[in-house]
Amino acid sequence: MKNNRLGDSDLVVSEICLGTMTFGQQNSEMEAHQQLDFAFENGVNFIDAAEMYPVPPNSETQGLTESYVGSWLVKNQREKVILATKITGPGRGFKWIRKGANEIDEASISLALEGSLRRLQTDYIDLYQIHWPDRYVPNFGEWSYDPKKERETVSILEQMEALSKQVRLGKVRYVGLSNETPWGLLEFLRVARENSLPTIVSTQNAYNLLNRTFESGLSEVTAKENVPLLAYSPLAFGHLSGKYLAGSLPESARLTLFPQFGPRYTKPNVEAAVRCYCELADKNGMSPAVLAIAFVSNQWFVASNIIGATTMSQLKENIKAGEVKLSSDIMDEIDQVHLRFTNPAV
């Protein structure tokens, strides 16, 4: 499997990353360990978790994902694993996480990090990410910025100084962002540069055939500032596998179990776009899931493609898909569909 360097860091990560948000909700600890074993046996060295996982978040299961990863990690060679996790930000109402004190300030960062280190059974995190901005930005499924929704926020300088302290202490090696905007990423980079603080080495945002917004702004930052994308949701919550077409709700599928995540993908043109991509995949002798994952992995600005699975058969297909190289003709056909149905699931 190909490996890529994250920005100017010395983290060299596999181009497929194992996402873990199902661990503790849809996957048991044993199943989680089976997935981790298989992924690492097949060249994956990169794991992504989060303080708030599993998803959907709730007080009863919060932290189980990191705990399951931690119980696997202590049985393996820690130095061979690139471990990423994320601190929960404010504005989502998760009052059970740090009693609702979710601001990205020094106190929260210290408390959140200690909890993650304890659950993960390690003394350092390779990549520590802010899960979403402390300040107001359009939330998941929203597509426009509304200045009336601005709220009090911890300054970016204060956030970076607090994260820098953890780097100095050796508890964090590198810092990344998630669900960020072009302005936000550039501001973090400016503040770090002007104050001689550790810089941002990656940003983790949604990117898939139904949501290519990264290409219109953040990709330029990647090129100019060497901050690559860690792409999450390459299958758009499973839609790009084609399994939800014509209103189908397969047993044990995520949207069957958790319909609250449906609105982002019930927007006009989502089904029409998915159907076109499924037809394109079939014409080229591959499954829709392979086409969707390969599309993400083929992008120059993607350092690692974060896949997730609830079954071993899904995991095997997803890892294999990351090694598929799409021809220029197929990429052109994808772009033609994109021009007809541009970012329908933003």
Protein backbone atom coordinates (compact mmCIF):
# COMPACT_ATOMS: atom_id res chain seq x y z
CA MET A 1 0.00 0.00 0.00
CA LYS A 2 1.23 3.49 -0.85
CA ASN A 3 2.25 5.78 2.01
CA ASN A 4 2.16 9.58 2.10
CA ARG A 5 3.81 12.17 4.33
CA LEU A 6 1.49 14.50 6.24
CA GLY A 7 2.53 18.02 5.35
CA ASP A 8 5.90 19.02 6.80
CA SER A 9 5.67 16.43 9.59
CA ASP A 10 7.55 13.15 9.83
CA LEU A 11 4.28 11.19 9.94
CA VAL A 12 4.17 8.80 6.99
CA VAL A 13 0.66 7.38 6.77
CA SER A 14 -0.95 4.68 4.65
CA GLU A 15 -3.21 6.03 1.91
CA ILE A 16 -6.05 4.13 3.58
CA CYS A 17 -6.86 5.05 7.18
CA LEU A 18 -9.14 2.92 9.35
CA GLY A 19 -11.97 5.02 10.75
CA THR A 20 -13.38 3.67 13.99
CA MET A 21 -16.63 5.51 14.78
CA THR A 22 -18.65 2.27 14.68
CA PHE A 23 -16.54 0.69 17.46
CA GLY A 24 -18.68 0.51 20.58
CA GLN A 25 -22.01 0.98 18.79
CA GLN A 26 -22.29 -1.30 15.76
CA ASN A 27 -19.07 -3.21 16.38
CA SER A 28 -18.12 -5.09 19.54
CA GLU A 29 -14.63 -5.01 21.01
CA MET A 30 -13.84 -8.37 19.41
CA GLU A 31 -15.05 -7.17 16.01
CA ALA A 32 -13.05 -3.97 16.40
CA HIS A 33 -9.89 -5.98 17.08
CA GLN A 34 -10.57 -8.19 14.06
CA GLN A 35 -10.88 -5.11 11.86
CA LEU A 36 -7.69 -3.60 13.26
CA ASP A 37 -5.77 -6.85 12.81
CA PHE A 38 -6.89 -7.25 9.20
CA ALA A 39 -6.21 -3.61 8.32
CA PHE A 40 -2.66 -3.71 9.69
CA GLU A 41 -1.94 -7.06 8.07
CA ASN A 42 -2.84 -5.39 4.75
CA GLY A 43 -0.66 -2.32 4.99
CA VAL A 44 -2.79 0.13 6.97
CA ASN A 45 -0.75 1.90 9.66
CA PHE A 46 -3.13 4.78 10.38
CA ILE A 47 -6.11 4.77 12.83
CA ASP A 48 -8.51 7.67 13.33
CA ALA A 49 -10.67 7.97 16.46
CA ALA A 50 -12.33 10.74 18.47
CA GLU A 51 -13.17 11.62 22.04
CA MET A 52 -16.93 11.71 21.25
CA TYR A 53 -17.08 8.35 19.39
CA PRO A 54 -18.92 6.08 18.74
CA VAL A 55 -21.54 7.64 16.48
CA PRO A 56 -24.35 8.37 17.09
CA PRO A 57 -22.96 10.08 20.20
CA ASN A 58 -24.56 9.52 23.57
CA SER A 59 -23.55 9.48 27.21
CA GLU A 60 -23.77 5.68 27.61
CA THR A 61 -21.26 4.78 24.89
CA GLN A 62 -18.99 7.84 24.71
CA GLY A 63 -15.35 6.82 24.89
CA LEU A 64 -15.86 3.17 23.95
CA THR A 65 -14.26 3.65 20.55
CA GLU A 66 -10.99 4.86 22.05
CA SER A 67 -11.17 2.14 24.71
CA TYR A 68 -11.51 -0.60 22.09
CA VAL A 69 -8.60 0.83 20.10
CA GLY A 70 -6.59 1.08 23.31
CA SER A 71 -7.14 -2.56 24.30
CA TRP A 72 -5.87 -3.55 20.84
CA LEU A 73 -2.99 -1.10 20.89
CA VAL A 74 -1.40 -2.49 24.06
CA LYS A 75 -1.08 -5.88 22.37
CA ASN A 76 0.76 -4.44 19.36
CA GLN A 77 3.88 -2.42 18.59
CA ARG A 78 2.86 1.14 19.38
CA GLU A 79 5.69 2.71 17.38
CA LYS A 80 4.38 1.15 14.17
CA VAL A 81 0.95 2.77 14.54
CA ILE A 82 0.06 6.33 13.52
CA LEU A 83 -2.70 7.17 15.97
CA ALA A 84 -5.06 10.10 15.45
CA THR A 85 -7.88 11.29 17.66
CA LYS A 86 -9.94 14.45 18.10
CA ILE A 87 -11.14 16.82 20.81
CA THR A 88 -14.87 17.60 20.83
CA GLY A 89 -15.74 21.23 20.10
CA PRO A 90 -18.58 23.43 21.38
CA GLY A 91 -21.99 24.07 19.88
CA ARG A 92 -23.33 20.53 19.59
CA GLY A 93 -24.92 20.14 23.04
CA PHE A 94 -22.84 17.16 24.23
CA LYS A 95 -23.20 17.97 27.92
CA TRP A 96 -21.91 14.55 28.99
CA ILE A 97 -18.46 15.28 27.53
CA ARG A 98 -16.43 17.20 30.13
CA LYS A 99 -19.75 18.31 31.67
CA GLY A 100 -20.42 20.43 28.63
CA ALA A 101 -17.18 22.42 28.89
CA ASN A 102 -16.30 21.87 25.23
CA GLU A 103 -14.48 25.09 24.42
CA ILE A 104 -11.09 24.57 22.79
CA ASP A 105 -9.12 26.24 25.58
CA GLU A 106 -6.21 25.08 27.71
CA ALA A 107 -8.37 23.52 30.43
CA SER A 108 -10.53 21.58 27.96
CA ILE A 109 -7.58 20.44 25.86
CA SER A 110 -5.74 19.17 28.92
CA LEU A 111 -8.79 17.32 30.26
CA ALA A 112 -9.83 15.89 26.90
CA LEU A 113 -6.33 14.75 26.04
CA GLU A 114 -5.81 13.03 29.38
CA GLY A 115 -9.07 11.14 28.89
CA SER A 116 -8.09 10.04 25.38
CA LEU A 117 -4.62 8.95 26.49
CA ARG A 118 -6.12 6.91 29.32
CA ARG A 119 -8.67 5.16 27.11
CA LEU A 120 -6.16 4.58 24.31
CA GLN A 121 -3.62 3.23 26.82
CA THR A 122 -0.76 5.26 25.37
CA ASP A 123 1.30 8.21 26.50
CA TYR A 124 1.20 10.18 23.25
CA ILE A 125 -1.03 10.92 20.26
CA ASP A 126 0.60 11.16 16.85
CA LEU A 127 -2.03 13.52 15.39
CA TYR A 128 -4.35 15.46 17.70
CA GLN A 129 -7.18 17.20 15.85
CA ILE A 130 -9.84 19.78 16.68
CA HIS A 131 -13.00 17.89 15.66
CA TRP A 132 -14.79 21.02 14.47
CA PRO A 133 -14.07 24.73 14.96
CA ASP A 134 -14.59 26.41 18.31
CA ARG A 135 -16.09 29.35 16.43
CA TYR A 136 -19.36 29.22 14.49
CA VAL A 137 -19.16 27.67 11.03
CA PRO A 138 -21.99 26.09 9.00
CA ASN A 139 -22.83 22.81 10.70
CA PHE A 140 -23.00 19.35 9.15
CA GLY A 141 -25.41 19.41 6.22
CA GLU A 142 -25.52 23.24 6.02
CA TRP A 143 -24.08 24.95 2.97
CA SER A 144 -24.03 28.71 3.66
CA TYR A 145 -22.38 30.95 6.24
CA ASP A 146 -24.70 33.13 8.35
CA PRO A 147 -22.89 35.91 10.27
CA LYS A 148 -25.92 36.24 12.57
CA LYS A 149 -24.97 32.88 14.10
CA GLU A 150 -21.58 34.08 15.33
CA ARG A 151 -20.87 33.19 18.97
CA GLU A 152 -18.20 33.86 21.55
CA THR A 153 -15.11 31.88 20.74
CA VAL A 154 -11.68 31.07 22.08
CA SER A 155 -9.12 32.90 19.98
CA ILE A 156 -7.10 30.85 17.53
CA LEU A 157 -3.92 32.07 19.22
CA GLU A 158 -5.13 30.75 22.58
CA GLN A 159 -6.08 27.41 21.00
CA MET A 160 -2.70 27.07 19.31
CA GLU A 161 -0.78 28.03 22.45
CA ALA A 162 -2.67 25.40 24.45
CA LEU A 163 -2.01 22.73 21.81
CA SER A 164 1.63 23.80 21.61
CA LYS A 165 1.97 23.17 25.34
CA GLN A 166 0.89 19.55 24.84
CA VAL A 167 3.42 19.18 22.03
CA ARG A 168 6.17 20.47 24.33
CA LEU A 169 5.06 18.01 27.01
CA GLY A 170 5.41 15.16 24.52
CA LYS A 171 1.75 14.14 24.73
CA VAL A 172 1.02 15.24 21.15
CA ARG A 173 3.37 14.97 18.19
CA TYR A 174 1.44 16.98 15.59
CA VAL A 175 -1.72 19.05 15.36
CA GLY A 176 -4.49 18.83 12.77
CA LEU A 177 -7.91 20.36 12.08
CA SER A 178 -11.22 18.85 11.03
CA ASN A 179 -14.35 20.23 9.37
CA GLU A 180 -12.45 23.44 8.69
CA THR A 181 -12.94 26.22 6.16
CA PRO A 182 -10.30 27.86 3.94
CA TRP A 183 -10.32 30.99 6.12
CA GLY A 184 -9.98 28.95 9.30
CA LEU A 185 -7.11 26.83 8.03
CA LEU A 186 -5.21 29.87 6.74
CA GLU A 187 -5.75 31.70 10.02
CA PHE A 188 -4.40 28.78 12.05
CA LEU A 189 -1.37 28.66 9.75
CA ARG A 190 -0.80 32.41 10.05
CA VAL A 191 -1.07 32.42 13.84
CA ALA A 192 1.31 29.46 14.12
CA ARG A 193 3.84 31.08 11.78
CA GLU A 194 3.76 34.51 13.42
CA ASN A 195 4.06 33.12 16.94
CA SER A 196 6.58 30.33 16.30
CA LEU A 197 4.06 27.65 17.28
CA PRO A 198 3.68 24.11 15.86
CA THR A 199 1.91 24.32 12.52
CA ILE A 200 -1.12 22.44 11.20
CA VAL A 201 -0.14 19.31 9.23
CA SER A 202 -3.54 18.11 7.94
CA THR A 203 -7.22 18.85 7.77
CA GLN A 204 -9.92 16.16 7.98
CA ASN A 205 -13.04 17.05 6.02
CA ALA A 206 -15.85 15.22 4.27
CA TYR A 207 -15.02 14.49 0.65
CA ASN A 208 -16.81 12.16 -1.77
CA LEU A 209 -18.57 12.04 -5.11
CA LEU A 210 -21.61 13.81 -3.61
CA ASN A 211 -19.60 16.49 -1.82
CA ARG A 212 -16.52 17.84 -3.62
CA THR A 213 -16.52 21.28 -1.97
CA PHE A 214 -12.93 20.74 -0.78
CA GLU A 215 -11.83 21.27 -4.38
CA SER A 216 -13.14 24.84 -4.61
CA GLY A 217 -11.03 26.44 -1.88
CA LEU A 218 -9.23 24.15 0.50
CA SER A 219 -7.38 22.33 -2.27
CA GLU A 220 -5.56 25.57 -3.12
CA VAL A 221 -4.45 25.83 0.51
CA THR A 222 -3.17 22.24 0.25
CA ALA A 223 -1.09 23.18 -2.78
CA LYS A 224 0.26 26.45 -1.42
CA GLU A 225 0.72 25.52 2.23
CA ASN A 226 1.32 21.75 2.08
CA VAL A 227 -1.63 20.81 4.31
CA PRO A 228 -3.21 17.67 2.79
CA LEU A 229 -6.69 16.29 3.23
CA LEU A 230 -7.65 13.34 5.38
CA ALA A 231 -10.88 12.53 3.57
CA TYR A 232 -13.75 11.14 5.63
CA SER A 233 -17.07 9.69 4.46
CA PRO A 234 -15.85 8.50 1.03
CA LEU A 235 -19.07 6.49 0.67
CA ALA A 236 -21.32 9.35 1.82
CA PHE A 237 -22.72 7.38 4.75
CA GLY A 238 -23.14 4.34 2.52
CA HIS A 239 -25.18 6.04 -0.19
CA LEU A 240 -22.47 5.63 -2.80
CA SER A 241 -22.63 1.86 -2.40
CA GLY A 242 -26.08 2.10 -3.99
CA LYS A 243 -27.73 0.22 -1.14
CA TYR A 244 -30.27 2.96 -0.38
CA LEU A 245 -31.54 3.44 -3.92
CA ALA A 246 -35.32 3.45 -4.48
CA GLY A 247 -35.91 3.94 -0.77
CA SER A 248 -34.31 0.67 0.25
CA LEU A 249 -33.33 0.36 3.90
CA PRO A 250 -31.28 -2.82 4.33
CA GLU A 251 -31.31 -4.49 7.72
CA SER A 252 -28.43 -3.29 9.95
CA ALA A 253 -27.48 -0.46 7.57
CA ARG A 254 -26.59 2.77 9.35
CA LEU A 255 -29.52 4.80 8.03
CA THR A 256 -31.88 1.96 8.92
CA LEU A 257 -30.60 1.97 12.49
CA PHE A 258 -30.06 5.73 12.78
CA PRO A 259 -32.52 7.59 10.53
CA GLN A 260 -31.57 10.90 12.17
CA PHE A 261 -28.58 11.04 9.82
CA GLY A 262 -30.80 10.89 6.74
CA PRO A 263 -31.58 14.57 6.02
CA ARG A 264 -28.11 15.38 4.69
CA TYR A 265 -28.65 12.77 1.99
CA THR A 266 -32.32 13.22 1.17
CA LYS A 267 -31.69 16.47 -0.67
CA PRO A 268 -32.75 16.88 -4.33
CA ASN A 269 -30.47 15.15 -6.84
CA VAL A 270 -28.73 12.84 -4.38
CA GLU A 271 -30.48 9.71 -5.63
CA ALA A 272 -30.14 10.74 -9.27
CA ALA A 273 -26.41 11.31 -8.83
CA VAL A 274 -25.93 8.03 -6.97
CA ARG A 275 -27.75 6.17 -9.72
CA CYS A 276 -25.46 7.68 -12.37
CA TYR A 277 -22.34 6.76 -10.42
CA CYS A 278 -23.63 3.22 -9.92
CA GLU A 279 -24.23 2.88 -13.66
CA LEU A 280 -20.74 4.20 -14.36
CA ALA A 281 -19.22 1.69 -11.96
CA ASP A 282 -21.15 -1.18 -13.55
CA LYS A 283 -20.06 -0.11 -17.04
CA ASN A 284 -16.44 -0.27 -15.93
CA GLY A 285 -16.70 -3.62 -14.18
CA MET A 286 -16.47 -2.52 -10.56
CA SER A 287 -18.81 -2.11 -7.64
CA PRO A 288 -20.14 1.38 -6.81
CA ALA A 289 -18.22 1.31 -3.51
CA VAL A 290 -14.93 0.58 -5.28
CA LEU A 291 -15.52 3.46 -7.71
CA ALA A 292 -16.34 5.88 -4.90
CA ILE A 293 -13.36 4.98 -2.71
CA ALA A 294 -10.94 4.86 -5.64
CA PHE A 295 -12.12 8.31 -6.74
CA VAL A 296 -11.12 9.79 -3.37
CA SER A 297 -7.79 7.96 -3.20
CA ASN A 298 -6.91 9.12 -6.73
CA GLN A 299 -6.99 12.82 -5.78
CA TRP A 300 -3.62 14.59 -5.50
CA PHE A 301 -4.61 16.52 -2.37
CA VAL A 302 -5.67 13.43 -0.36
CA ALA A 303 -2.97 12.05 1.95
CA SER A 304 -5.22 9.34 3.40
CA ASN A 305 -8.74 8.09 2.72
CA ILE A 306 -10.61 7.29 5.95
CA ILE A 307 -12.74 4.21 5.43
CA GLY A 308 -15.14 2.62 7.90
CA ALA A 309 -16.90 -0.71 7.93
CA THR A 310 -19.25 -2.73 10.09
CA THR A 311 -18.50 -6.09 8.48
CA MET A 312 -15.27 -7.77 7.44
CA SER A 313 -16.50 -8.14 3.86
CA GLN A 314 -17.02 -4.37 3.66
CA LEU A 315 -13.58 -3.76 5.15
CA LYS A 316 -11.87 -6.06 2.66
CA GLU A 317 -13.59 -4.41 -0.31
CA ASN A 318 -12.84 -0.90 0.99
CA ILE A 319 -9.14 -1.55 1.56
CA LYS A 320 -8.78 -3.17 -1.85
CA ALA A 321 -10.61 -0.24 -3.47
CA GLY A 322 -7.96 2.16 -2.24
CA GLU A 323 -5.42 0.48 -4.51
CA VAL A 324 -7.54 0.88 -7.67
CA LYS A 325 -6.27 3.47 -10.13
CA LEU A 326 -8.98 5.09 -12.22
CA SER A 327 -8.22 5.90 -15.85
CA SER A 328 -8.43 9.44 -17.15
CA ASP A 329 -11.49 8.39 -19.17
CA ILE A 330 -13.33 7.25 -16.03
CA MET A 331 -12.33 10.43 -14.20
CA ASP A 332 -13.70 12.45 -17.12
CA GLU A 333 -16.98 10.55 -16.96
CA ILE A 334 -17.16 11.21 -13.23
CA ASP A 335 -16.71 14.91 -13.89
CA GLN A 336 -19.54 14.85 -16.41
CA VAL A 337 -21.89 13.45 -13.77
CA HIS A 338 -20.57 16.04 -11.32
CA LEU A 339 -21.42 18.85 -13.74
CA ARG A 340 -25.01 17.60 -13.91
CA PHE A 341 -25.37 17.03 -10.15
CA THR A 342 -22.91 19.32 -8.41
CA ASN A 343 -22.37 18.60 -4.71
CA PRO A 344 -25.93 17.43 -3.99
CA ALA A 345 -25.13 16.30 -0.44
CA VAL A 346 -23.37 19.37 0.95
